[in-house]
Amino acid sequence: MNSNQIIKKRNIVLIFFLIVVAIFSTAIILVFRNIEDYNTMSLINIILVFIFALVTLAFRSTLLGYNNLVRIAMVVRKQSDPIHFTKNIVREPAPLNKEYTLYTATSNYRLYYNHYQDKTPNVRKRYHLKIVIIITTSTLDFFDKRLHDDIAKLQTIFSKKEIPNKYAIVAFKEYQDMTEDDLKAIGEVVSYTISRQTFTQINVGLCLSDHLAYFLYSKQYVPNRNYQEAVDLIFELTGNPKLEKPTKQKHKKRA
């Protein structure tokens, strides 16, 4: 499913949900107007509200899922060009040692992490987890089960009070040349929110032939703050200044 199909399908689900809301609202109003017996009217309305609550819960999970997909679809629609890299973090990971802790080192990949508390004023105490994955074997997939298992194990070292609310994961891999299949694999990002936890993984392909870093981002649209933080981290690790945040264009009033 491409980005346009995802947006179209989300809109269809949303319209259908609004129709269902209108039907239940009309039914409740009709019950109030046409049934004089208070006990009967209350019983019917309770049943209607209960059914409506169940339908709403079903639609809620579906809409939340589509909304997460739509945000990524919007990034795809407005995606920006690859950026030049002056630092190759795959070959020179030493700068990570300043802020990050090496958690796993194998012949195929290395996993670094930075766990810290959010110091934003007037924000409830919460923790962030930034993970940098350096893939050194070209055949290893960005979402290989071994990487997933290591991230799951990493979470267990934190106390219950220090469990992260935000996960920003960036994965780097070298390519001699970039093919369409490579670009497709790089573009398979993850960005979603469940309850109060936000997860983002952006994959980065460092192409040696043109010295460009390929990854999915947009200068015009940011799906959420966590995604922006992951993009900022990529810019930093590739030797680029931080990307300016998109600003809303103000429309000039006609005289």
C-alpha atoms as a PDB file:
ATOM      1  CA  MET A   1       0.000   0.000   0.000  1.00  0.00           C
ATOM      2  CA  ASN A   2       1.510   3.343  -1.050  1.00  0.00           C
ATOM      3  CA  SER A   3       1.180   6.636   0.848  1.00  0.00           C
ATOM      4  CA  ASN A   4      -1.871   7.837  -1.134  1.00  0.00           C
ATOM      5  CA  GLN A   5      -3.706   4.553  -0.535  1.00  0.00           C
ATOM      6  CA  ILE A   6      -2.976   4.708   3.207  1.00  0.00           C
ATOM      7  CA  ILE A   7      -4.326   8.267   3.491  1.00  0.00           C
ATOM      8  CA  LYS A   8      -7.398   7.382   1.402  1.00  0.00           C
ATOM      9  CA  LYS A   9      -8.158   4.290   3.494  1.00  0.00           C
ATOM     10  CA  ARG A  10      -7.788   6.236   6.767  1.00  0.00           C
ATOM     11  CA  ASN A  11     -10.214   8.857   5.463  1.00  0.00           C
ATOM     12  CA  ILE A  12     -12.746   6.158   4.508  1.00  0.00           C
ATOM     13  CA  VAL A  13     -12.544   4.644   8.007  1.00  0.00           C
ATOM     14  CA  LEU A  14     -12.942   8.103   9.561  1.00  0.00           C
ATOM     15  CA  ILE A  15     -16.000   8.937   7.426  1.00  0.00           C
ATOM     16  CA  PHE A  16     -17.573   5.575   8.256  1.00  0.00           C
ATOM     17  CA  PHE A  17     -16.970   6.223  11.972  1.00  0.00           C
ATOM     18  CA  LEU A  18     -18.630   9.651  11.733  1.00  0.00           C
ATOM     19  CA  ILE A  19     -21.626   8.031  10.017  1.00  0.00           C
ATOM     20  CA  VAL A  20     -21.876   5.522  12.880  1.00  0.00           C
ATOM     21  CA  VAL A  21     -21.726   8.385  15.417  1.00  0.00           C
ATOM     22  CA  ALA A  22     -24.523  10.173  13.546  1.00  0.00           C
ATOM     23  CA  ILE A  23     -26.667   7.003  13.495  1.00  0.00           C
ATOM     24  CA  PHE A  24     -26.308   6.380  17.241  1.00  0.00           C
ATOM     25  CA  SER A  25     -26.891  10.062  18.070  1.00  0.00           C
ATOM     26  CA  THR A  26     -30.075  10.067  15.963  1.00  0.00           C
ATOM     27  CA  ALA A  27     -31.261   6.834  17.588  1.00  0.00           C
ATOM     28  CA  ILE A  28     -30.818   8.272  21.103  1.00  0.00           C
ATOM     29  CA  ILE A  29     -32.683  11.464  20.156  1.00  0.00           C
ATOM     30  CA  LEU A  30     -35.554   9.434  18.663  1.00  0.00           C
ATOM     31  CA  VAL A  31     -35.812   7.352  21.836  1.00  0.00           C
ATOM     32  CA  PHE A  32     -36.062  10.510  23.940  1.00  0.00           C
ATOM     33  CA  ARG A  33     -38.771  11.946  21.697  1.00  0.00           C
ATOM     34  CA  ASN A  34     -40.939   8.868  21.066  1.00  0.00           C
ATOM     35  CA  ILE A  35     -40.812   6.747  24.218  1.00  0.00           C
ATOM     36  CA  GLU A  36     -42.695   8.237  27.121  1.00  0.00           C
ATOM     37  CA  ASP A  37     -42.041   5.525  29.688  1.00  0.00           C
ATOM     38  CA  TYR A  38     -38.937   6.616  31.604  1.00  0.00           C
ATOM     39  CA  ASN A  39     -37.737   3.106  32.548  1.00  0.00           C
ATOM     40  CA  THR A  40     -38.073   1.796  28.997  1.00  0.00           C
ATOM     41  CA  MET A  41     -36.376   4.875  27.568  1.00  0.00           C
ATOM     42  CA  SER A  42     -33.483   4.590  30.044  1.00  0.00           C
ATOM     43  CA  LEU A  43     -32.994   0.886  29.339  1.00  0.00           C
ATOM     44  CA  ILE A  44     -32.890   1.395  25.566  1.00  0.00           C
ATOM     45  CA  ASN A  45     -30.482   4.317  25.854  1.00  0.00           C
ATOM     46  CA  ILE A  46     -28.197   2.360  28.178  1.00  0.00           C
ATOM     47  CA  ILE A  47     -28.086  -0.464  25.638  1.00  0.00           C
ATOM     48  CA  LEU A  48     -27.393   2.003  22.799  1.00  0.00           C
ATOM     49  CA  VAL A  49     -24.625   3.742  24.744  1.00  0.00           C
ATOM     50  CA  PHE A  50     -23.047   0.384  25.658  1.00  0.00           C
ATOM     51  CA  ILE A  51     -23.053  -0.766  22.016  1.00  0.00           C
ATOM     52  CA  PHE A  52     -21.724   2.631  20.905  1.00  0.00           C
ATOM     53  CA  ALA A  53     -18.876   2.381  23.461  1.00  0.00           C
ATOM     54  CA  LEU A  54     -17.877  -1.038  22.074  1.00  0.00           C
ATOM     55  CA  VAL A  55     -17.993   0.255  18.485  1.00  0.00           C
ATOM     56  CA  THR A  56     -15.952   3.317  19.483  1.00  0.00           C
ATOM     57  CA  LEU A  57     -13.251   1.174  21.109  1.00  0.00           C
ATOM     58  CA  ALA A  58     -13.027  -0.956  17.963  1.00  0.00           C
ATOM     59  CA  PHE A  59     -12.756   2.115  15.737  1.00  0.00           C
ATOM     60  CA  ARG A  60     -10.294   3.815  18.101  1.00  0.00           C
ATOM     61  CA  SER A  61      -7.597   1.151  17.744  1.00  0.00           C
ATOM     62  CA  THR A  62      -8.107   1.076  13.958  1.00  0.00           C
ATOM     63  CA  LEU A  63      -7.955   4.858  13.627  1.00  0.00           C
ATOM     64  CA  LEU A  64      -4.879   5.124  15.858  1.00  0.00           C
ATOM     65  CA  GLY A  65      -3.138   2.530  13.700  1.00  0.00           C
ATOM     66  CA  TYR A  66      -4.028   4.355  10.497  1.00  0.00           C
ATOM     67  CA  ASN A  67      -3.059   7.741  11.967  1.00  0.00           C
ATOM     68  CA  ASN A  68       0.425   6.399  12.706  1.00  0.00           C
ATOM     69  CA  LEU A  69       0.668   5.122   9.119  1.00  0.00           C
ATOM     70  CA  VAL A  70      -0.675   8.390   7.705  1.00  0.00           C
ATOM     71  CA  ARG A  71       2.023  10.402   9.496  1.00  0.00           C
ATOM     72  CA  ILE A  72       4.706   8.304   7.814  1.00  0.00           C
ATOM     73  CA  ALA A  73       2.825   8.514   4.509  1.00  0.00           C
ATOM     74  CA  MET A  74       2.976  12.309   4.782  1.00  0.00           C
ATOM     75  CA  VAL A  75       6.752  12.117   5.282  1.00  0.00           C
ATOM     76  CA  VAL A  76       6.984   9.945   2.152  1.00  0.00           C
ATOM     77  CA  ARG A  77       4.908  12.484   0.213  1.00  0.00           C
ATOM     78  CA  LYS A  78       7.134  15.378   1.278  1.00  0.00           C
ATOM     79  CA  GLN A  79      10.434  13.557   1.701  1.00  0.00           C
ATOM     80  CA  SER A  80      13.653  15.498   1.229  1.00  0.00           C
ATOM     81  CA  ASP A  81      16.829  14.634  -0.633  1.00  0.00           C
ATOM     82  CA  PRO A  82      19.659  12.559   0.886  1.00  0.00           C
ATOM     83  CA  ILE A  83      22.356  14.511   2.702  1.00  0.00           C
ATOM     84  CA  HIS A  84      26.139  14.517   2.332  1.00  0.00           C
ATOM     85  CA  PHE A  85      28.017  12.869   5.178  1.00  0.00           C
ATOM     86  CA  THR A  86      31.445  13.920   6.386  1.00  0.00           C
ATOM     87  CA  LYS A  87      31.496  11.343   9.195  1.00  0.00           C
ATOM     88  CA  ASN A  88      31.132   7.628   8.585  1.00  0.00           C
ATOM     89  CA  ILE A  89      29.844   6.335  11.911  1.00  0.00           C
ATOM     90  CA  VAL A  90      30.010   2.735  10.658  1.00  0.00           C
ATOM     91  CA  ARG A  91      33.778   2.893  10.211  1.00  0.00           C
ATOM     92  CA  GLU A  92      34.505   5.443  12.932  1.00  0.00           C
ATOM     93  CA  PRO A  93      32.113   4.861  15.865  1.00  0.00           C
ATOM     94  CA  ALA A  94      34.519   6.397  18.419  1.00  0.00           C
ATOM     95  CA  PRO A  95      32.484   9.659  18.809  1.00  0.00           C
ATOM     96  CA  LEU A  96      29.628   7.578  20.249  1.00  0.00           C
ATOM     97  CA  ASN A  97      31.752   6.716  23.287  1.00  0.00           C
ATOM     98  CA  LYS A  98      31.345  10.258  24.635  1.00  0.00           C
ATOM     99  CA  GLU A  99      27.586  10.077  25.283  1.00  0.00           C
ATOM    100  CA  TYR A 100      26.636   6.476  24.543  1.00  0.00           C
ATOM    101  CA  THR A 101      27.282   3.156  26.227  1.00  0.00           C
ATOM    102  CA  LEU A 102      28.192   0.105  24.176  1.00  0.00           C
ATOM    103  CA  TYR A 103      25.651  -2.605  25.009  1.00  0.00           C
ATOM    104  CA  THR A 104      26.308  -5.253  22.338  1.00  0.00           C
ATOM    105  CA  ALA A 105      29.275  -5.900  20.058  1.00  0.00           C
ATOM    106  CA  THR A 106      29.215  -8.787  17.587  1.00  0.00           C
ATOM    107  CA  SER A 107      30.827  -9.481  14.229  1.00  0.00           C
ATOM    108  CA  ASN A 108      27.593  -8.288  12.546  1.00  0.00           C
ATOM    109  CA  TYR A 109      26.584  -5.202  14.513  1.00  0.00           C
ATOM    110  CA  ARG A 110      27.147  -2.962  17.519  1.00  0.00           C
ATOM    111  CA  LEU A 111      24.423  -1.429  19.667  1.00  0.00           C
ATOM    112  CA  TYR A 112      24.943   1.772  21.662  1.00  0.00           C
ATOM    113  CA  TYR A 113      22.459   3.477  23.961  1.00  0.00           C
ATOM    114  CA  ASN A 114      21.923   6.721  25.865  1.00  0.00           C
ATOM    115  CA  HIS A 115      19.338   6.627  28.656  1.00  0.00           C
ATOM    116  CA  TYR A 116      18.495   9.978  30.215  1.00  0.00           C
ATOM    117  CA  GLN A 117      15.792  11.889  32.054  1.00  0.00           C
ATOM    118  CA  ASP A 118      13.721  14.552  30.328  1.00  0.00           C
ATOM    119  CA  LYS A 119      14.680  17.913  31.856  1.00  0.00           C
ATOM    120  CA  THR A 120      11.948  19.930  30.122  1.00  0.00           C
ATOM    121  CA  PRO A 121      10.379  22.377  32.649  1.00  0.00           C
ATOM    122  CA  ASN A 122       6.855  21.596  33.875  1.00  0.00           C
ATOM    123  CA  VAL A 123       7.007  18.135  32.316  1.00  0.00           C
ATOM    124  CA  ARG A 124       6.235  15.052  34.339  1.00  0.00           C
ATOM    125  CA  LYS A 125       9.348  13.008  35.171  1.00  0.00           C
ATOM    126  CA  ARG A 126      10.038  10.662  32.262  1.00  0.00           C
ATOM    127  CA  TYR A 127      12.970   8.975  30.579  1.00  0.00           C
ATOM    128  CA  HIS A 128      14.181   8.808  26.993  1.00  0.00           C
ATOM    129  CA  LEU A 129      16.214   6.079  25.330  1.00  0.00           C
ATOM    130  CA  LYS A 130      18.315   6.779  22.249  1.00  0.00           C
ATOM    131  CA  ILE A 131      19.769   3.742  20.489  1.00  0.00           C
ATOM    132  CA  VAL A 132      22.360   3.783  17.715  1.00  0.00           C
ATOM    133  CA  ILE A 133      22.787   0.531  15.783  1.00  0.00           C
ATOM    134  CA  ILE A 134      25.882   0.123  13.629  1.00  0.00           C
ATOM    135  CA  ILE A 135      25.405  -2.711  11.132  1.00  0.00           C
ATOM    136  CA  THR A 136      28.721  -4.003   9.815  1.00  0.00           C
ATOM    137  CA  THR A 137      27.414  -6.909   7.718  1.00  0.00           C
ATOM    138  CA  SER A 138      25.660  -5.929   4.497  1.00  0.00           C
ATOM    139  CA  THR A 139      23.347  -8.953   4.582  1.00  0.00           C
ATOM    140  CA  LEU A 140      21.940  -8.113   8.028  1.00  0.00           C
ATOM    141  CA  ASP A 141      18.432  -6.638   7.873  1.00  0.00           C
ATOM    142  CA  PHE A 142      17.571  -3.425   9.704  1.00  0.00           C
ATOM    143  CA  PHE A 143      14.855  -5.298  11.605  1.00  0.00           C
ATOM    144  CA  ASP A 144      16.752  -8.523  12.213  1.00  0.00           C
ATOM    145  CA  LYS A 145      15.377 -10.534  15.146  1.00  0.00           C
ATOM    146  CA  ARG A 146      18.745 -10.403  16.917  1.00  0.00           C
ATOM    147  CA  LEU A 147      18.567  -6.608  17.032  1.00  0.00           C
ATOM    148  CA  HIS A 148      15.000  -6.760  18.322  1.00  0.00           C
ATOM    149  CA  ASP A 149      15.995  -9.253  21.040  1.00  0.00           C
ATOM    150  CA  ASP A 150      18.923  -7.099  22.174  1.00  0.00           C
ATOM    151  CA  ILE A 151      16.710  -4.024  22.447  1.00  0.00           C
ATOM    152  CA  ALA A 152      14.210  -6.046  24.495  1.00  0.00           C
ATOM    153  CA  LYS A 153      17.005  -7.222  26.825  1.00  0.00           C
ATOM    154  CA  LEU A 154      18.335  -3.672  27.127  1.00  0.00           C
ATOM    155  CA  GLN A 155      15.016  -2.488  28.542  1.00  0.00           C
ATOM    156  CA  THR A 156      15.304  -4.955  31.423  1.00  0.00           C
ATOM    157  CA  ILE A 157      18.375  -3.232  32.912  1.00  0.00           C
ATOM    158  CA  PHE A 158      16.337  -0.169  33.901  1.00  0.00           C
ATOM    159  CA  SER A 159      14.302   0.035  37.086  1.00  0.00           C
ATOM    160  CA  LYS A 160      10.517   0.279  36.850  1.00  0.00           C
ATOM    161  CA  LYS A 161      10.668   4.038  37.548  1.00  0.00           C
ATOM    162  CA  GLU A 162      13.237   4.542  34.782  1.00  0.00           C
ATOM    163  CA  ILE A 163      11.419   2.693  31.985  1.00  0.00           C
ATOM    164  CA  PRO A 164      11.657   4.996  28.922  1.00  0.00           C
ATOM    165  CA  ASN A 165       8.619   6.807  27.549  1.00  0.00           C
ATOM    166  CA  LYS A 166      10.342   7.631  24.282  1.00  0.00           C
ATOM    167  CA  TYR A 167      12.484   5.363  22.125  1.00  0.00           C
ATOM    168  CA  ALA A 168      14.491   6.917  19.288  1.00  0.00           C
ATOM    169  CA  ILE A 169      16.430   4.307  17.297  1.00  0.00           C
ATOM    170  CA  VAL A 170      18.702   5.020  14.344  1.00  0.00           C
ATOM    171  CA  ALA A 171      20.363   2.196  12.406  1.00  0.00           C
ATOM    172  CA  PHE A 172      23.331   2.760  10.061  1.00  0.00           C
ATOM    173  CA  LYS A 173      24.598   0.524   7.269  1.00  0.00           C
ATOM    174  CA  GLU A 174      27.131   1.039   4.452  1.00  0.00           C
ATOM    175  CA  TYR A 175      26.354   0.537   0.751  1.00  0.00           C
ATOM    176  CA  GLN A 176      28.803   0.685  -2.116  1.00  0.00           C
ATOM    177  CA  ASP A 177      26.008   1.734  -4.490  1.00  0.00           C
ATOM    178  CA  MET A 178      22.321   2.378  -3.811  1.00  0.00           C
ATOM    179  CA  THR A 179      19.683   0.261  -5.578  1.00  0.00           C
ATOM    180  CA  GLU A 180      15.890   0.514  -5.559  1.00  0.00           C
ATOM    181  CA  ASP A 181      15.679  -2.511  -3.245  1.00  0.00           C
ATOM    182  CA  ASP A 182      18.144  -0.857  -0.871  1.00  0.00           C
ATOM    183  CA  LEU A 183      16.097   2.350  -0.817  1.00  0.00           C
ATOM    184  CA  LYS A 184      12.949   0.345  -0.110  1.00  0.00           C
ATOM    185  CA  ALA A 185      14.597  -1.388   2.855  1.00  0.00           C
ATOM    186  CA  ILE A 186      15.904   1.922   4.219  1.00  0.00           C
ATOM    187  CA  GLY A 187      12.449   3.504   3.871  1.00  0.00           C
ATOM    188  CA  GLU A 188      10.762   0.886   6.060  1.00  0.00           C
ATOM    189  CA  VAL A 189      10.759   3.056   9.173  1.00  0.00           C
ATOM    190  CA  VAL A 190       8.785   2.625  12.386  1.00  0.00           C
ATOM    191  CA  SER A 191       6.994   5.447  14.179  1.00  0.00           C
ATOM    192  CA  TYR A 192       4.024   4.933  16.459  1.00  0.00           C
ATOM    193  CA  THR A 193       2.612   5.796  19.866  1.00  0.00           C
ATOM    194  CA  ILE A 194       0.978   3.356  22.268  1.00  0.00           C
ATOM    195  CA  SER A 195      -0.505   4.848  25.410  1.00  0.00           C
ATOM    196  CA  ARG A 196       2.275   7.134  26.722  1.00  0.00           C
ATOM    197  CA  GLN A 197       5.151   5.433  24.924  1.00  0.00           C
ATOM    198  CA  THR A 198       6.492   6.581  21.569  1.00  0.00           C
ATOM    199  CA  PHE A 199       8.701   4.410  19.357  1.00  0.00           C
ATOM    200  CA  THR A 200      10.689   5.565  16.327  1.00  0.00           C
ATOM    201  CA  GLN A 201      13.260   3.752  14.204  1.00  0.00           C
ATOM    202  CA  ILE A 202      14.848   5.410  11.189  1.00  0.00           C
ATOM    203  CA  ASN A 203      17.239   3.483   8.956  1.00  0.00           C
ATOM    204  CA  VAL A 204      20.207   5.183   7.308  1.00  0.00           C
ATOM    205  CA  GLY A 205      22.138   3.975   4.275  1.00  0.00           C
ATOM    206  CA  LEU A 206      25.597   5.494   3.845  1.00  0.00           C
ATOM    207  CA  CYS A 207      26.390   5.265   0.131  1.00  0.00           C
ATOM    208  CA  LEU A 208      30.160   5.216  -0.441  1.00  0.00           C
ATOM    209  CA  SER A 209      30.015   5.980  -4.161  1.00  0.00           C
ATOM    210  CA  ASP A 210      28.340   9.388  -3.796  1.00  0.00           C
ATOM    211  CA  HIS A 211      28.962  10.105  -0.083  1.00  0.00           C
ATOM    212  CA  LEU A 212      25.240  10.564   0.558  1.00  0.00           C
ATOM    213  CA  ALA A 213      23.210   9.417   3.563  1.00  0.00           C
ATOM    214  CA  TYR A 214      19.820   8.068   2.494  1.00  0.00           C
ATOM    215  CA  PHE A 215      16.964   8.020   5.019  1.00  0.00           C
ATOM    216  CA  LEU A 216      13.309   9.002   5.271  1.00  0.00           C
ATOM    217  CA  TYR A 217      12.824  12.566   6.520  1.00  0.00           C
ATOM    218  CA  SER A 218      11.177  15.797   5.433  1.00  0.00           C
ATOM    219  CA  LYS A 219      12.119  19.450   5.793  1.00  0.00           C
ATOM    220  CA  GLN A 220       8.439  20.370   5.425  1.00  0.00           C
ATOM    221  CA  TYR A 221       6.699  17.890   7.703  1.00  0.00           C
ATOM    222  CA  VAL A 222       7.518  16.238  11.029  1.00  0.00           C
ATOM    223  CA  PRO A 223       5.214  13.409  12.210  1.00  0.00           C
ATOM    224  CA  ASN A 224       6.071  13.884  15.889  1.00  0.00           C
ATOM    225  CA  ARG A 225       8.728  15.281  18.200  1.00  0.00           C
ATOM    226  CA  ASN A 226      10.377  11.893  18.722  1.00  0.00           C
ATOM    227  CA  TYR A 227      10.841  11.462  14.958  1.00  0.00           C
ATOM    228  CA  GLN A 228      12.428  14.917  14.787  1.00  0.00           C
ATOM    229  CA  GLU A 229      14.864  13.998  17.583  1.00  0.00           C
ATOM    230  CA  ALA A 230      15.887  10.873  15.657  1.00  0.00           C
ATOM    231  CA  VAL A 231      16.420  12.962  12.494  1.00  0.00           C
ATOM    232  CA  ASP A 232      18.496  15.488  14.487  1.00  0.00           C
ATOM    233  CA  LEU A 233      20.640  12.627  15.772  1.00  0.00           C
ATOM    234  CA  ILE A 234      21.256  11.392  12.211  1.00  0.00           C
ATOM    235  CA  PHE A 235      22.311  14.872  11.103  1.00  0.00           C
ATOM    236  CA  GLU A 236      24.689  15.102  14.061  1.00  0.00           C
ATOM    237  CA  LEU A 237      26.249  11.662  13.511  1.00  0.00           C
ATOM    238  CA  THR A 238      26.799  12.342   9.794  1.00  0.00           C
ATOM    239  CA  GLY A 239      28.590  15.649  10.484  1.00  0.00           C
ATOM    240  CA  ASN A 240      25.728  17.977   9.524  1.00  0.00           C
ATOM    241  CA  PRO A 241      24.180  20.921  11.401  1.00  0.00           C
ATOM    242  CA  LYS A 242      20.801  20.282  12.972  1.00  0.00           C
ATOM    243  CA  LEU A 243      17.855  20.541  10.586  1.00  0.00           C
ATOM    244  CA  GLU A 244      15.708  23.632  11.066  1.00  0.00           C
ATOM    245  CA  LYS A 245      12.182  22.866  12.225  1.00  0.00           C
ATOM    246  CA  PRO A 246       9.414  23.379   9.647  1.00  0.00           C
ATOM    247  CA  THR A 247       7.572  26.657  10.113  1.00  0.00           C
ATOM    248  CA  LYS A 248       3.985  27.339   9.225  1.00  0.00           C
ATOM    249  CA  GLN A 249       3.627  29.814   6.413  1.00  0.00           C
ATOM    250  CA  LYS A 250       1.602  32.880   7.305  1.00  0.00           C
ATOM    251  CA  HIS A 251      -0.850  34.002   4.677  1.00  0.00           C
ATOM    252  CA  LYS A 252      -0.759  37.723   3.942  1.00  0.00           C
ATOM    253  CA  LYS A 253      -4.052  39.501   4.207  1.00  0.00           C
ATOM    254  CA  ARG A 254      -5.271  41.102   1.054  1.00  0.00           C
ATOM    255  CA  ALA A 255      -5.701  44.844   1.147  1.00  0.00           C
END
